[in-house]
N, C-alpha and C. Protein backbone atom coordinates (compact mmCIF):
# COMPACT_ATOMS: atom_id res chain seq x y z
N UNK A 1 -32.12 -20.81 48.80
CA UNK A 1 -31.25 -19.74 48.31
C UNK A 1 -31.97 -19.00 47.18
N UNK A 2 -31.89 -17.67 47.21
CA UNK A 2 -32.57 -16.86 46.20
C UNK A 2 -31.91 -17.04 44.84
N UNK A 3 -32.74 -16.94 43.80
CA UNK A 3 -32.20 -16.98 42.44
C UNK A 3 -31.31 -15.76 42.21
N UNK A 4 -30.31 -15.88 41.33
CA UNK A 4 -29.48 -14.71 41.04
C UNK A 4 -30.28 -13.63 40.35
N UNK A 5 -29.87 -12.39 40.57
CA UNK A 5 -30.46 -11.27 39.83
C UNK A 5 -29.92 -11.34 38.40
N UNK A 6 -30.82 -11.34 37.45
CA UNK A 6 -30.41 -11.48 36.05
C UNK A 6 -30.29 -10.12 35.38
N UNK A 7 -29.17 -9.93 34.70
CA UNK A 7 -28.94 -8.72 33.92
C UNK A 7 -28.78 -9.11 32.46
N UNK A 8 -29.62 -8.55 31.61
CA UNK A 8 -29.45 -8.72 30.17
C UNK A 8 -28.89 -7.42 29.62
N UNK A 9 -27.83 -7.54 28.81
CA UNK A 9 -27.24 -6.35 28.23
C UNK A 9 -27.08 -6.56 26.72
N UNK A 10 -27.80 -5.75 25.97
CA UNK A 10 -27.72 -5.82 24.52
C UNK A 10 -26.55 -4.97 24.04
N UNK A 11 -25.78 -5.54 23.10
CA UNK A 11 -24.60 -4.83 22.62
C UNK A 11 -24.30 -5.23 21.19
N UNK A 12 -23.42 -4.45 20.56
CA UNK A 12 -22.86 -4.82 19.25
C UNK A 12 -21.35 -4.70 19.36
N UNK A 13 -20.64 -5.61 18.72
CA UNK A 13 -19.19 -5.64 18.86
C UNK A 13 -18.49 -4.43 18.25
N UNK A 14 -19.17 -3.67 17.40
CA UNK A 14 -18.56 -2.49 16.80
C UNK A 14 -18.99 -1.21 17.52
N UNK A 15 -19.65 -1.36 18.67
CA UNK A 15 -20.08 -0.19 19.46
C UNK A 15 -19.08 0.06 20.58
N UNK A 16 -18.32 1.15 20.53
CA UNK A 16 -17.33 1.40 21.59
C UNK A 16 -17.96 1.61 22.96
N UNK A 17 -19.15 2.16 23.01
CA UNK A 17 -19.80 2.40 24.30
C UNK A 17 -20.18 1.09 24.99
N UNK A 18 -20.38 0.03 24.19
CA UNK A 18 -20.66 -1.27 24.78
C UNK A 18 -19.45 -1.80 25.52
N UNK A 19 -18.28 -1.62 24.93
CA UNK A 19 -17.06 -2.02 25.63
C UNK A 19 -16.85 -1.16 26.86
N UNK A 20 -17.13 0.13 26.77
CA UNK A 20 -16.94 1.02 27.91
C UNK A 20 -17.93 0.73 29.04
N UNK A 21 -19.03 0.08 28.72
CA UNK A 21 -20.02 -0.25 29.75
C UNK A 21 -19.56 -1.39 30.64
N UNK A 22 -18.57 -2.15 30.20
CA UNK A 22 -18.10 -3.29 30.99
C UNK A 22 -17.62 -2.88 32.38
N UNK A 23 -16.81 -1.82 32.43
CA UNK A 23 -16.22 -1.40 33.69
C UNK A 23 -17.24 -1.02 34.75
N UNK A 24 -18.15 -0.09 34.46
CA UNK A 24 -19.18 0.26 35.44
C UNK A 24 -20.04 -0.93 35.85
N UNK A 25 -20.33 -1.82 34.91
CA UNK A 25 -21.13 -3.00 35.23
C UNK A 25 -20.37 -3.90 36.21
N UNK A 26 -19.11 -4.16 35.92
CA UNK A 26 -18.31 -5.02 36.80
C UNK A 26 -18.11 -4.39 38.17
N UNK A 27 -17.90 -3.07 38.21
CA UNK A 27 -17.72 -2.36 39.48
C UNK A 27 -18.98 -2.48 40.34
N UNK A 28 -20.13 -2.30 39.72
CA UNK A 28 -21.39 -2.37 40.46
C UNK A 28 -21.62 -3.77 41.01
N UNK A 29 -21.36 -4.78 40.20
CA UNK A 29 -21.58 -6.16 40.63
C UNK A 29 -20.64 -6.50 41.79
N UNK A 30 -19.39 -6.06 41.71
CA UNK A 30 -18.43 -6.35 42.76
C UNK A 30 -18.82 -5.69 44.08
N UNK A 31 -19.33 -4.47 44.00
CA UNK A 31 -19.65 -3.71 45.20
C UNK A 31 -20.96 -4.14 45.86
N UNK A 32 -21.89 -4.67 45.08
CA UNK A 32 -23.24 -4.85 45.61
C UNK A 32 -23.37 -6.10 46.47
N UNK A 33 -22.51 -7.08 46.26
CA UNK A 33 -22.54 -8.26 47.12
C UNK A 33 -23.72 -9.17 46.90
N UNK A 34 -24.36 -9.10 45.74
CA UNK A 34 -25.50 -9.97 45.44
C UNK A 34 -25.09 -10.98 44.38
N UNK A 35 -25.81 -12.08 44.33
CA UNK A 35 -25.58 -13.08 43.30
C UNK A 35 -26.19 -12.57 42.00
N UNK A 36 -25.35 -12.36 40.99
CA UNK A 36 -25.79 -11.73 39.74
C UNK A 36 -25.41 -12.62 38.57
N UNK A 37 -26.29 -12.72 37.62
CA UNK A 37 -26.04 -13.48 36.38
C UNK A 37 -26.18 -12.53 35.20
N UNK A 38 -25.09 -12.34 34.45
CA UNK A 38 -25.08 -11.41 33.31
C UNK A 38 -25.17 -12.20 32.01
N UNK A 39 -26.07 -11.79 31.15
CA UNK A 39 -26.20 -12.39 29.82
C UNK A 39 -26.07 -11.31 28.77
N UNK A 40 -25.04 -11.43 27.93
CA UNK A 40 -24.85 -10.49 26.83
C UNK A 40 -25.76 -10.90 25.68
N UNK A 41 -26.49 -9.93 25.14
CA UNK A 41 -27.48 -10.19 24.12
C UNK A 41 -27.10 -9.51 22.80
N UNK A 42 -27.28 -10.18 21.66
CA UNK A 42 -26.88 -9.62 20.38
C UNK A 42 -27.82 -8.52 19.89
N UNK A 43 -27.21 -7.53 19.25
CA UNK A 43 -27.96 -6.49 18.56
C UNK A 43 -27.08 -5.97 17.43
N UNK A 44 -27.59 -6.00 16.21
CA UNK A 44 -26.82 -5.52 15.06
C UNK A 44 -27.20 -4.07 14.77
N UNK A 45 -26.25 -3.18 14.95
CA UNK A 45 -26.52 -1.77 14.67
C UNK A 45 -26.78 -1.55 13.18
N UNK A 46 -26.02 -2.24 12.35
CA UNK A 46 -26.18 -2.09 10.90
C UNK A 46 -26.14 -3.48 10.28
N UNK A 47 -27.32 -4.02 10.10
CA UNK A 47 -27.43 -5.36 9.53
C UNK A 47 -27.31 -5.28 8.01
N UNK A 48 -26.79 -6.34 7.42
CA UNK A 48 -26.69 -6.43 5.96
C UNK A 48 -28.08 -6.37 5.35
N UNK A 49 -28.30 -5.62 4.28
CA UNK A 49 -27.32 -4.97 3.40
C UNK A 49 -27.08 -3.49 3.70
N UNK A 50 -27.53 -2.99 4.83
CA UNK A 50 -27.28 -1.60 5.16
C UNK A 50 -25.77 -1.34 5.23
N UNK A 51 -25.28 -0.28 4.60
CA UNK A 51 -23.83 -0.03 4.62
C UNK A 51 -23.33 0.21 6.04
N UNK A 52 -22.15 -0.30 6.33
CA UNK A 52 -21.53 -0.03 7.62
C UNK A 52 -20.67 1.23 7.52
N UNK A 53 -20.18 1.68 8.67
CA UNK A 53 -19.45 2.95 8.72
C UNK A 53 -17.99 2.77 8.30
N UNK A 54 -17.39 3.88 7.85
CA UNK A 54 -15.98 3.89 7.43
C UNK A 54 -15.22 4.88 8.33
N UNK A 55 -14.10 4.44 8.89
CA UNK A 55 -13.36 5.32 9.79
C UNK A 55 -12.74 6.52 9.09
N UNK A 56 -12.58 6.47 7.78
CA UNK A 56 -12.00 7.60 7.07
C UNK A 56 -13.03 8.69 6.77
N UNK A 57 -14.31 8.37 6.96
CA UNK A 57 -15.33 9.40 6.77
C UNK A 57 -15.40 10.31 7.99
N UNK A 58 -16.17 11.36 7.89
CA UNK A 58 -16.17 12.40 8.94
C UNK A 58 -16.82 11.94 10.24
N UNK A 59 -17.86 11.11 10.16
CA UNK A 59 -18.67 10.83 11.34
C UNK A 59 -17.89 10.14 12.46
N UNK A 60 -17.24 9.01 12.16
CA UNK A 60 -16.60 8.24 13.22
C UNK A 60 -15.51 9.02 13.95
N UNK A 61 -14.56 9.64 13.26
CA UNK A 61 -13.54 10.41 14.00
C UNK A 61 -14.15 11.50 14.87
N UNK A 62 -15.23 12.12 14.39
CA UNK A 62 -15.85 13.20 15.15
C UNK A 62 -16.49 12.68 16.44
N UNK A 63 -17.23 11.58 16.36
CA UNK A 63 -17.90 11.07 17.56
C UNK A 63 -16.88 10.49 18.54
N UNK A 64 -15.81 9.93 18.01
CA UNK A 64 -14.76 9.43 18.90
C UNK A 64 -14.08 10.56 19.65
N UNK A 65 -13.76 11.63 18.97
CA UNK A 65 -13.09 12.76 19.63
C UNK A 65 -14.02 13.45 20.62
N UNK A 66 -15.30 13.53 20.28
CA UNK A 66 -16.25 14.26 21.12
C UNK A 66 -16.71 13.44 22.32
N UNK A 67 -16.87 12.12 22.14
CA UNK A 67 -17.52 11.34 23.20
C UNK A 67 -16.76 10.09 23.63
N UNK A 68 -16.24 9.33 22.67
CA UNK A 68 -15.64 8.04 23.03
C UNK A 68 -14.34 8.22 23.80
N UNK A 69 -13.41 8.98 23.23
CA UNK A 69 -12.10 9.15 23.89
C UNK A 69 -12.21 9.83 25.25
N UNK A 70 -13.01 10.91 25.40
CA UNK A 70 -13.14 11.50 26.75
C UNK A 70 -13.69 10.52 27.79
N UNK A 71 -14.70 9.72 27.42
CA UNK A 71 -15.24 8.76 28.37
C UNK A 71 -14.23 7.66 28.66
N UNK A 72 -13.52 7.20 27.64
CA UNK A 72 -12.51 6.16 27.85
C UNK A 72 -11.43 6.64 28.81
N UNK A 73 -11.02 7.90 28.68
CA UNK A 73 -10.01 8.43 29.60
C UNK A 73 -10.54 8.48 31.02
N UNK A 74 -11.80 8.87 31.19
CA UNK A 74 -12.39 8.93 32.54
C UNK A 74 -12.46 7.55 33.17
N UNK A 75 -12.73 6.55 32.34
CA UNK A 75 -12.90 5.19 32.85
C UNK A 75 -11.59 4.41 32.88
N UNK A 76 -10.53 4.99 32.30
CA UNK A 76 -9.24 4.31 32.28
C UNK A 76 -9.20 3.12 31.35
N UNK A 77 -9.89 3.23 30.21
CA UNK A 77 -9.96 2.12 29.25
C UNK A 77 -9.13 2.45 28.02
N UNK A 78 -8.29 1.51 27.63
CA UNK A 78 -7.48 1.64 26.42
C UNK A 78 -8.34 1.26 25.22
N UNK A 79 -8.66 2.23 24.39
CA UNK A 79 -9.55 1.98 23.25
C UNK A 79 -9.17 2.92 22.12
N UNK A 80 -9.20 2.40 20.89
CA UNK A 80 -8.78 3.18 19.73
C UNK A 80 -9.74 2.93 18.58
N UNK A 81 -10.03 3.97 17.82
CA UNK A 81 -10.88 3.83 16.64
C UNK A 81 -10.22 2.86 15.66
N UNK A 82 -10.86 1.72 15.38
CA UNK A 82 -10.25 0.75 14.46
C UNK A 82 -10.13 1.31 13.05
N UNK A 83 -9.14 0.82 12.33
CA UNK A 83 -8.94 1.27 10.94
C UNK A 83 -9.64 0.35 9.95
N UNK A 84 -10.24 -0.75 10.41
CA UNK A 84 -10.93 -1.68 9.51
C UNK A 84 -12.00 -0.91 8.73
N UNK A 85 -11.93 -0.98 7.40
CA UNK A 85 -12.85 -0.18 6.58
C UNK A 85 -13.32 -1.00 5.38
N UNK A 86 -14.64 -1.01 5.19
CA UNK A 86 -15.67 -0.53 6.11
C UNK A 86 -15.73 -1.41 7.35
N UNK A 87 -16.39 -0.91 8.39
CA UNK A 87 -16.50 -1.71 9.60
C UNK A 87 -17.27 -3.01 9.29
N UNK A 88 -16.93 -4.08 9.99
CA UNK A 88 -17.52 -5.38 9.64
C UNK A 88 -18.98 -5.49 10.04
N UNK A 89 -19.71 -6.28 9.27
CA UNK A 89 -21.00 -6.74 9.75
C UNK A 89 -20.73 -7.73 10.89
N UNK A 90 -21.64 -7.77 11.86
CA UNK A 90 -21.36 -8.58 13.05
C UNK A 90 -22.24 -9.83 13.17
N UNK A 91 -23.04 -10.12 12.16
CA UNK A 91 -23.92 -11.30 12.23
C UNK A 91 -23.10 -12.57 12.43
N UNK A 92 -22.02 -12.73 11.67
CA UNK A 92 -21.21 -13.94 11.77
C UNK A 92 -20.58 -14.06 13.15
N UNK A 93 -20.06 -12.95 13.66
CA UNK A 93 -19.48 -12.97 15.00
C UNK A 93 -20.52 -13.33 16.05
N UNK A 94 -21.76 -12.89 15.85
CA UNK A 94 -22.82 -13.22 16.80
C UNK A 94 -23.26 -14.69 16.68
N UNK A 95 -23.18 -15.25 15.49
CA UNK A 95 -23.40 -16.70 15.40
C UNK A 95 -22.34 -17.43 16.22
N UNK A 96 -21.12 -16.91 16.15
CA UNK A 96 -20.04 -17.46 16.97
C UNK A 96 -20.32 -17.31 18.45
N UNK A 97 -20.95 -16.19 18.81
CA UNK A 97 -21.32 -16.00 20.22
C UNK A 97 -22.26 -17.11 20.68
N UNK A 98 -23.22 -17.47 19.85
CA UNK A 98 -24.16 -18.53 20.23
C UNK A 98 -23.43 -19.85 20.47
N UNK A 99 -22.42 -20.13 19.65
CA UNK A 99 -21.60 -21.32 19.86
C UNK A 99 -20.88 -21.22 21.20
N UNK A 100 -20.28 -20.05 21.45
CA UNK A 100 -19.54 -19.86 22.70
C UNK A 100 -20.45 -19.97 23.91
N UNK A 101 -21.64 -19.36 23.82
CA UNK A 101 -22.58 -19.41 24.94
C UNK A 101 -23.01 -20.84 25.24
N UNK A 102 -23.23 -21.62 24.19
CA UNK A 102 -23.62 -23.01 24.38
C UNK A 102 -22.51 -23.82 25.08
N UNK A 103 -21.27 -23.36 24.92
CA UNK A 103 -20.14 -24.03 25.55
C UNK A 103 -19.67 -23.31 26.81
N UNK A 104 -20.52 -22.45 27.35
CA UNK A 104 -20.24 -21.82 28.63
C UNK A 104 -19.24 -20.69 28.62
N UNK A 105 -18.96 -20.12 27.43
CA UNK A 105 -17.95 -19.07 27.34
C UNK A 105 -18.50 -17.82 26.64
N UNK A 106 -19.79 -17.57 26.81
CA UNK A 106 -20.39 -16.41 26.14
C UNK A 106 -19.82 -15.08 26.58
N UNK A 107 -19.65 -14.90 27.88
CA UNK A 107 -19.12 -13.63 28.38
C UNK A 107 -17.66 -13.46 27.96
N UNK A 108 -16.88 -14.53 28.06
CA UNK A 108 -15.48 -14.45 27.66
C UNK A 108 -15.35 -14.13 26.16
N UNK A 109 -16.22 -14.70 25.37
CA UNK A 109 -16.22 -14.44 23.93
C UNK A 109 -16.54 -12.99 23.65
N UNK A 110 -17.56 -12.45 24.32
CA UNK A 110 -17.94 -11.06 24.12
C UNK A 110 -16.78 -10.13 24.46
N UNK A 111 -16.16 -10.35 25.59
CA UNK A 111 -15.03 -9.51 25.98
C UNK A 111 -13.89 -9.61 24.97
N UNK A 112 -13.66 -10.83 24.46
CA UNK A 112 -12.58 -11.00 23.50
C UNK A 112 -12.88 -10.27 22.20
N UNK A 113 -14.12 -10.25 21.78
CA UNK A 113 -14.50 -9.53 20.56
C UNK A 113 -14.24 -8.03 20.71
N UNK A 114 -14.64 -7.47 21.85
CA UNK A 114 -14.41 -6.04 22.07
C UNK A 114 -12.92 -5.72 21.98
N UNK A 115 -12.10 -6.50 22.64
CA UNK A 115 -10.68 -6.20 22.68
C UNK A 115 -10.02 -6.42 21.32
N UNK A 116 -10.47 -7.43 20.62
CA UNK A 116 -9.91 -7.69 19.29
C UNK A 116 -10.18 -6.52 18.34
N UNK A 117 -11.38 -5.96 18.43
CA UNK A 117 -11.74 -4.88 17.51
C UNK A 117 -11.16 -3.54 17.95
N UNK A 118 -11.34 -3.20 19.22
CA UNK A 118 -11.00 -1.85 19.68
C UNK A 118 -9.58 -1.70 20.23
N UNK A 119 -8.89 -2.79 20.45
CA UNK A 119 -7.51 -2.69 20.92
C UNK A 119 -6.50 -3.32 19.97
N UNK A 120 -6.98 -4.25 19.12
CA UNK A 120 -6.06 -4.96 18.24
C UNK A 120 -6.36 -4.74 16.76
N UNK A 121 -7.41 -3.96 16.46
CA UNK A 121 -7.73 -3.60 15.07
C UNK A 121 -7.97 -4.83 14.19
N UNK A 122 -8.61 -5.85 14.75
CA UNK A 122 -8.88 -7.06 13.98
C UNK A 122 -10.26 -6.98 13.32
N UNK A 123 -10.38 -7.60 12.15
CA UNK A 123 -11.61 -7.57 11.37
C UNK A 123 -12.53 -8.71 11.81
N UNK A 124 -13.58 -8.38 12.54
CA UNK A 124 -14.49 -9.38 13.09
C UNK A 124 -15.47 -9.93 12.06
N UNK A 125 -15.33 -9.50 10.82
CA UNK A 125 -16.17 -10.05 9.77
C UNK A 125 -15.54 -11.24 9.07
N UNK A 126 -14.32 -11.62 9.46
CA UNK A 126 -13.59 -12.69 8.80
C UNK A 126 -13.62 -13.97 9.63
N UNK A 127 -13.99 -15.06 8.99
CA UNK A 127 -14.08 -16.35 9.69
C UNK A 127 -12.76 -16.75 10.32
N UNK A 128 -11.65 -16.56 9.60
CA UNK A 128 -10.34 -16.95 10.13
C UNK A 128 -10.02 -16.19 11.41
N UNK A 129 -10.35 -14.91 11.44
CA UNK A 129 -10.10 -14.08 12.63
C UNK A 129 -10.96 -14.58 13.79
N UNK A 130 -12.23 -14.79 13.54
CA UNK A 130 -13.14 -15.23 14.59
C UNK A 130 -12.74 -16.60 15.14
N UNK A 131 -12.35 -17.51 14.26
CA UNK A 131 -11.97 -18.85 14.71
C UNK A 131 -10.72 -18.81 15.57
N UNK A 132 -9.75 -17.99 15.19
CA UNK A 132 -8.53 -17.87 15.99
C UNK A 132 -8.84 -17.27 17.36
N UNK A 133 -9.70 -16.28 17.40
CA UNK A 133 -10.07 -15.66 18.67
C UNK A 133 -10.82 -16.67 19.55
N UNK A 134 -11.71 -17.44 18.94
CA UNK A 134 -12.46 -18.45 19.68
C UNK A 134 -11.51 -19.50 20.26
N UNK A 135 -10.56 -19.93 19.46
CA UNK A 135 -9.59 -20.89 19.96
C UNK A 135 -8.77 -20.34 21.11
N UNK A 136 -8.51 -19.04 21.07
CA UNK A 136 -7.71 -18.41 22.11
C UNK A 136 -8.38 -18.36 23.46
N UNK A 137 -9.71 -18.48 23.50
CA UNK A 137 -10.40 -18.48 24.81
C UNK A 137 -10.79 -19.90 25.22
N UNK A 138 -10.31 -20.89 24.48
CA UNK A 138 -10.53 -22.26 24.90
C UNK A 138 -11.62 -23.01 24.15
N UNK A 139 -12.20 -22.40 23.13
CA UNK A 139 -13.19 -23.11 22.33
C UNK A 139 -12.50 -23.98 21.28
N UNK A 140 -13.18 -25.01 20.82
CA UNK A 140 -12.64 -25.87 19.78
C UNK A 140 -12.68 -25.11 18.45
N UNK A 141 -11.50 -24.79 17.94
CA UNK A 141 -11.44 -23.93 16.75
C UNK A 141 -12.07 -24.61 15.54
N UNK A 142 -11.80 -25.88 15.35
CA UNK A 142 -12.36 -26.58 14.19
C UNK A 142 -13.89 -26.68 14.30
N UNK A 143 -14.38 -26.96 15.50
CA UNK A 143 -15.83 -27.04 15.69
C UNK A 143 -16.50 -25.69 15.49
N UNK A 144 -15.84 -24.65 15.98
CA UNK A 144 -16.35 -23.29 15.82
C UNK A 144 -16.42 -22.92 14.34
N UNK A 145 -15.35 -23.20 13.63
CA UNK A 145 -15.29 -22.87 12.20
C UNK A 145 -16.37 -23.62 11.43
N UNK A 146 -16.55 -24.88 11.76
CA UNK A 146 -17.56 -25.68 11.07
C UNK A 146 -18.96 -25.15 11.34
N UNK A 147 -19.21 -24.71 12.57
CA UNK A 147 -20.52 -24.17 12.92
C UNK A 147 -20.83 -22.91 12.12
N UNK A 148 -19.83 -22.07 11.93
CA UNK A 148 -20.04 -20.86 11.13
C UNK A 148 -20.27 -21.21 9.67
N UNK A 149 -19.48 -22.15 9.14
CA UNK A 149 -19.61 -22.53 7.74
C UNK A 149 -20.98 -23.15 7.45
N UNK A 150 -21.48 -23.91 8.40
CA UNK A 150 -22.76 -24.61 8.21
C UNK A 150 -23.97 -23.76 8.60
N UNK A 151 -23.73 -22.61 9.21
CA UNK A 151 -24.86 -21.79 9.66
C UNK A 151 -25.62 -22.43 10.80
N UNK A 152 -24.93 -23.20 11.62
CA UNK A 152 -25.58 -23.97 12.68
C UNK A 152 -26.35 -23.09 13.65
N UNK A 153 -25.83 -21.91 13.93
CA UNK A 153 -26.43 -21.04 14.94
C UNK A 153 -27.14 -19.82 14.34
N UNK A 154 -27.36 -19.87 13.03
CA UNK A 154 -27.98 -18.71 12.37
C UNK A 154 -29.40 -18.48 12.87
N UNK A 155 -30.18 -19.55 12.98
CA UNK A 155 -31.56 -19.41 13.45
C UNK A 155 -31.60 -18.92 14.89
N UNK A 156 -30.68 -19.41 15.71
CA UNK A 156 -30.66 -18.97 17.10
C UNK A 156 -30.30 -17.49 17.20
N UNK A 157 -29.40 -17.05 16.35
CA UNK A 157 -29.07 -15.61 16.34
C UNK A 157 -30.27 -14.78 15.91
N UNK A 158 -30.99 -15.24 14.91
CA UNK A 158 -32.17 -14.51 14.46
C UNK A 158 -33.23 -14.45 15.56
N UNK A 159 -33.36 -15.52 16.32
CA UNK A 159 -34.29 -15.53 17.44
C UNK A 159 -33.87 -14.50 18.49
N UNK A 160 -32.56 -14.38 18.72
CA UNK A 160 -32.06 -13.39 19.67
C UNK A 160 -32.37 -11.98 19.19
N UNK A 161 -32.27 -11.75 17.89
CA UNK A 161 -32.61 -10.43 17.35
C UNK A 161 -34.10 -10.15 17.51
N UNK A 162 -34.93 -11.17 17.38
CA UNK A 162 -36.37 -10.97 17.59
C UNK A 162 -36.66 -10.64 19.05
N UNK A 163 -35.88 -11.21 19.96
CA UNK A 163 -36.06 -10.86 21.37
C UNK A 163 -35.70 -9.40 21.61
N UNK A 164 -34.63 -8.93 20.96
CA UNK A 164 -34.27 -7.52 21.07
C UNK A 164 -35.40 -6.63 20.56
N UNK A 165 -35.99 -7.03 19.44
CA UNK A 165 -37.10 -6.25 18.89
C UNK A 165 -38.30 -6.28 19.84
N UNK A 166 -38.55 -7.42 20.47
CA UNK A 166 -39.67 -7.52 21.40
C UNK A 166 -39.48 -6.60 22.60
N UNK A 167 -38.22 -6.40 23.01
CA UNK A 167 -37.92 -5.47 24.10
C UNK A 167 -37.74 -4.04 23.62
N UNK A 168 -37.96 -3.82 22.32
CA UNK A 168 -37.86 -2.49 21.70
C UNK A 168 -36.48 -1.87 21.94
N UNK A 169 -35.46 -2.69 21.81
CA UNK A 169 -34.09 -2.19 21.90
C UNK A 169 -33.77 -1.40 20.64
N UNK A 170 -33.34 -0.17 20.83
CA UNK A 170 -33.01 0.68 19.68
C UNK A 170 -31.63 1.29 19.81
N UNK A 171 -31.03 1.22 20.98
CA UNK A 171 -29.68 1.73 21.19
C UNK A 171 -28.90 0.69 22.00
N UNK A 172 -27.59 0.71 21.83
CA UNK A 172 -26.73 -0.16 22.65
C UNK A 172 -25.61 0.70 23.25
N UNK A 173 -25.22 0.35 24.49
CA UNK A 173 -25.75 -0.75 25.30
C UNK A 173 -27.11 -0.42 25.90
N UNK A 174 -27.93 -1.44 26.03
CA UNK A 174 -29.18 -1.37 26.79
C UNK A 174 -29.17 -2.50 27.80
N UNK A 175 -29.38 -2.16 29.06
CA UNK A 175 -29.41 -3.16 30.13
C UNK A 175 -30.82 -3.30 30.66
N UNK A 176 -31.17 -4.53 30.99
CA UNK A 176 -32.44 -4.81 31.65
C UNK A 176 -32.13 -5.55 32.94
N UNK A 177 -32.44 -4.90 34.07
CA UNK A 177 -32.17 -5.46 35.39
C UNK A 177 -33.49 -5.48 36.14
N UNK A 178 -34.09 -6.66 36.25
CA UNK A 178 -35.43 -6.70 36.80
C UNK A 178 -36.37 -5.89 35.91
N UNK A 179 -37.04 -4.92 36.51
CA UNK A 179 -37.94 -4.05 35.73
C UNK A 179 -37.26 -2.76 35.30
N UNK A 180 -35.97 -2.63 35.60
CA UNK A 180 -35.26 -1.37 35.32
C UNK A 180 -34.51 -1.48 34.01
N UNK A 181 -34.68 -0.50 33.18
CA UNK A 181 -34.02 -0.43 31.87
C UNK A 181 -33.03 0.74 31.90
N UNK A 182 -31.78 0.46 31.51
CA UNK A 182 -30.74 1.49 31.47
C UNK A 182 -30.17 1.53 30.06
N UNK A 183 -30.24 2.67 29.42
CA UNK A 183 -29.70 2.82 28.07
C UNK A 183 -28.43 3.66 28.13
N UNK A 184 -27.42 3.24 27.40
CA UNK A 184 -26.15 3.96 27.39
C UNK A 184 -25.21 3.45 28.46
N UNK A 185 -23.98 3.97 28.48
CA UNK A 185 -23.01 3.57 29.49
C UNK A 185 -23.54 4.00 30.85
N UNK A 186 -23.71 3.06 31.78
CA UNK A 186 -24.35 3.39 33.05
C UNK A 186 -23.37 3.92 34.07
N UNK A 187 -23.88 4.61 35.06
CA UNK A 187 -23.09 4.89 36.26
C UNK A 187 -23.16 3.67 37.17
N UNK A 188 -22.07 3.32 37.84
CA UNK A 188 -22.12 2.15 38.73
C UNK A 188 -23.26 2.24 39.74
N UNK A 189 -23.53 3.46 40.24
CA UNK A 189 -24.60 3.62 41.23
C UNK A 189 -25.95 3.23 40.64
N UNK A 190 -26.18 3.54 39.35
CA UNK A 190 -27.43 3.14 38.72
C UNK A 190 -27.60 1.62 38.72
N UNK A 191 -26.53 0.95 38.36
CA UNK A 191 -26.59 -0.51 38.27
C UNK A 191 -26.75 -1.12 39.66
N UNK A 192 -26.02 -0.60 40.65
CA UNK A 192 -26.14 -1.11 42.01
C UNK A 192 -27.56 -0.99 42.51
N UNK A 193 -28.17 0.18 42.32
CA UNK A 193 -29.54 0.38 42.79
C UNK A 193 -30.51 -0.57 42.09
N UNK A 194 -30.32 -0.75 40.79
CA UNK A 194 -31.21 -1.63 40.05
C UNK A 194 -31.08 -3.07 40.53
N UNK A 195 -29.85 -3.51 40.82
CA UNK A 195 -29.63 -4.86 41.32
C UNK A 195 -30.29 -5.04 42.69
N UNK A 196 -30.09 -4.08 43.57
CA UNK A 196 -30.67 -4.17 44.91
C UNK A 196 -32.19 -4.13 44.86
N UNK A 197 -32.74 -3.30 43.99
CA UNK A 197 -34.20 -3.25 43.84
C UNK A 197 -34.73 -4.58 43.31
N UNK A 198 -34.03 -5.17 42.35
CA UNK A 198 -34.47 -6.45 41.79
C UNK A 198 -34.40 -7.55 42.84
N UNK A 199 -33.34 -7.52 43.64
CA UNK A 199 -33.23 -8.54 44.70
C UNK A 199 -34.33 -8.36 45.74
N UNK A 200 -34.62 -7.11 46.11
CA UNK A 200 -35.69 -6.85 47.08
C UNK A 200 -37.04 -7.33 46.54
N UNK A 201 -37.26 -7.14 45.24
CA UNK A 201 -38.51 -7.59 44.62
C UNK A 201 -38.61 -9.11 44.65
N UNK A 202 -37.47 -9.78 44.39
CA UNK A 202 -37.46 -11.23 44.45
C UNK A 202 -37.81 -11.72 45.85
N UNK A 203 -37.22 -11.09 46.86
CA UNK A 203 -37.47 -11.50 48.24
C UNK A 203 -38.92 -11.25 48.63
N UNK A 204 -39.47 -10.14 48.15
CA UNK A 204 -40.87 -9.82 48.46
C UNK A 204 -41.82 -10.83 47.84
N UNK A 205 -41.46 -11.31 46.65
CA UNK A 205 -42.34 -12.24 45.93
C UNK A 205 -42.12 -13.69 46.34
N UNK A 206 -41.09 -13.96 47.13
CA UNK A 206 -40.76 -15.34 47.49
C UNK A 206 -41.94 -16.00 48.20
N UNK A 207 -42.32 -17.16 47.72
CA UNK A 207 -43.40 -17.92 48.34
C UNK A 207 -44.76 -17.67 47.74
N UNK A 208 -44.97 -16.47 47.20
CA UNK A 208 -46.28 -16.20 46.59
C UNK A 208 -46.45 -17.06 45.34
N UNK A 209 -47.63 -17.61 45.19
CA UNK A 209 -47.91 -18.48 44.07
C UNK A 209 -47.77 -19.93 44.41
N UNK A 210 -47.20 -20.25 45.59
CA UNK A 210 -47.09 -21.64 46.00
C UNK A 210 -48.48 -22.19 46.33
N UNK A 211 -48.68 -23.47 46.08
CA UNK A 211 -50.01 -24.06 46.29
C UNK A 211 -49.90 -25.56 46.50
N UNK A 212 -50.97 -26.16 47.00
CA UNK A 212 -51.09 -27.61 47.13
C UNK A 212 -52.18 -28.09 46.20
N UNK A 213 -51.99 -29.30 45.68
CA UNK A 213 -52.96 -29.85 44.74
C UNK A 213 -53.92 -30.80 45.41
N UNK A 214 -54.93 -31.24 44.65
CA UNK A 214 -55.95 -32.13 45.19
C UNK A 214 -55.40 -33.52 45.51
N UNK A 215 -54.20 -33.79 44.98
CA UNK A 215 -53.58 -35.07 45.29
C UNK A 215 -52.86 -35.04 46.63
N UNK A 216 -52.92 -33.89 47.28
CA UNK A 216 -52.29 -33.74 48.60
C UNK A 216 -50.84 -33.35 48.56
N UNK A 217 -50.31 -33.18 47.37
CA UNK A 217 -48.91 -32.80 47.22
C UNK A 217 -48.78 -31.30 47.13
N UNK A 218 -47.74 -30.77 47.78
CA UNK A 218 -47.52 -29.33 47.76
C UNK A 218 -46.17 -29.02 47.11
């Protein structure tokens, strides 16, 4: 059986376009009929100590009216500019993601973060908020809270950020599907083609590199 086609998607929990990318991605995967494995990857748009954005300033309302709300209406997504001010740093939430991923709930955690911020106006910079959200998707709330307090996953998060830098990620969402890179909210057709191309490449490469050793074992 062929390995699944792997999709890496870099995102930040305070990026509305990352949440809007979920729909086209899911539509493409459903339609293409291939075995696909999606991995959400951390990227901090504004890491500490760089100031984060404030919804009462001019920039956020303007970009939401010009781009976010029109796209959300086209995609049928309920999304609202959060009132949390200033917007939270997301490093702590991403440490929580590493905990969730280790317990097999990375995708569910990512989706819950998007909805908590953009539909429920929750502050993702607060440990109490993150722990409650983690518990709501089936993670051990006490274990999650302890991991954040102890910085258990801090090094792993930093390693993930170094991987983003190695791939020269500068905008989110950014998807990597095989050799195809897609920046911004994708069209489902783009994702479908990239998945099919990646699967075809896998099939073409199948068997190449196989060898037998001098011990007679293959």
